[in-house]
């Protein structure tokens, strides 16, 4: 197994064994359950805002595992060991992004089926939202790893992570909840940009964190 695959698989195992999957998915479903209570039983209204509700819930759920993505490995010297083996920081960050997405994205997309029932989404809306999540969650995972690296070791890192990540995730939220092929293309472009750029940002932050 290559170093990249080993790090990615380690992230997947950690997500499934440390609550990194269950807690975000449970939080995601809890938020989608609360919205109908807040706006009332108007099915037409819920149908109109369902896409935005799902994306808002996904974005908030994505904040939960941010603190554990990079900081613990930096403190324990795990990242140092990978670097000593000749693995570049950006490649470590990219593997973490891949592993985090595999442990976070597909379960969240699967949970959208339950959320669709709670929000009264049609089959067409569910398909469109699931496609948008499949395209946008890699960008969300990249942003989470970069944010985790930038805030690692800081006091109150969890709260700071929210302040850093939420504004940067706005384009994903806007285009993900949007309709039409134009929104999907822009969502894909933003997600691709985040996946391409975040490993270098996270890698540089991890390098500074080790010094």
Foldseek 3Di string as FASTA:
>chain_A
DDPLQVLLVVLLVCCVPVVVAVQLLVQLLVQLLVVCVVVDDPLVVLQLCVQLSNLVSNLVSLLVCLQVLPQVCLVVCVVVVVVVVPDAQLSSLLSSLNSSCVNYQVSSLVSVVVSCVSSVYDPVVNVLLSLLSVLQVSLSSLLSLLLNLQLHPPVVSSVVSCVPRPVLCVLSSVLSSDDDPVSSVSSNVSSVVSSVPSSVSSSVSSVVSND
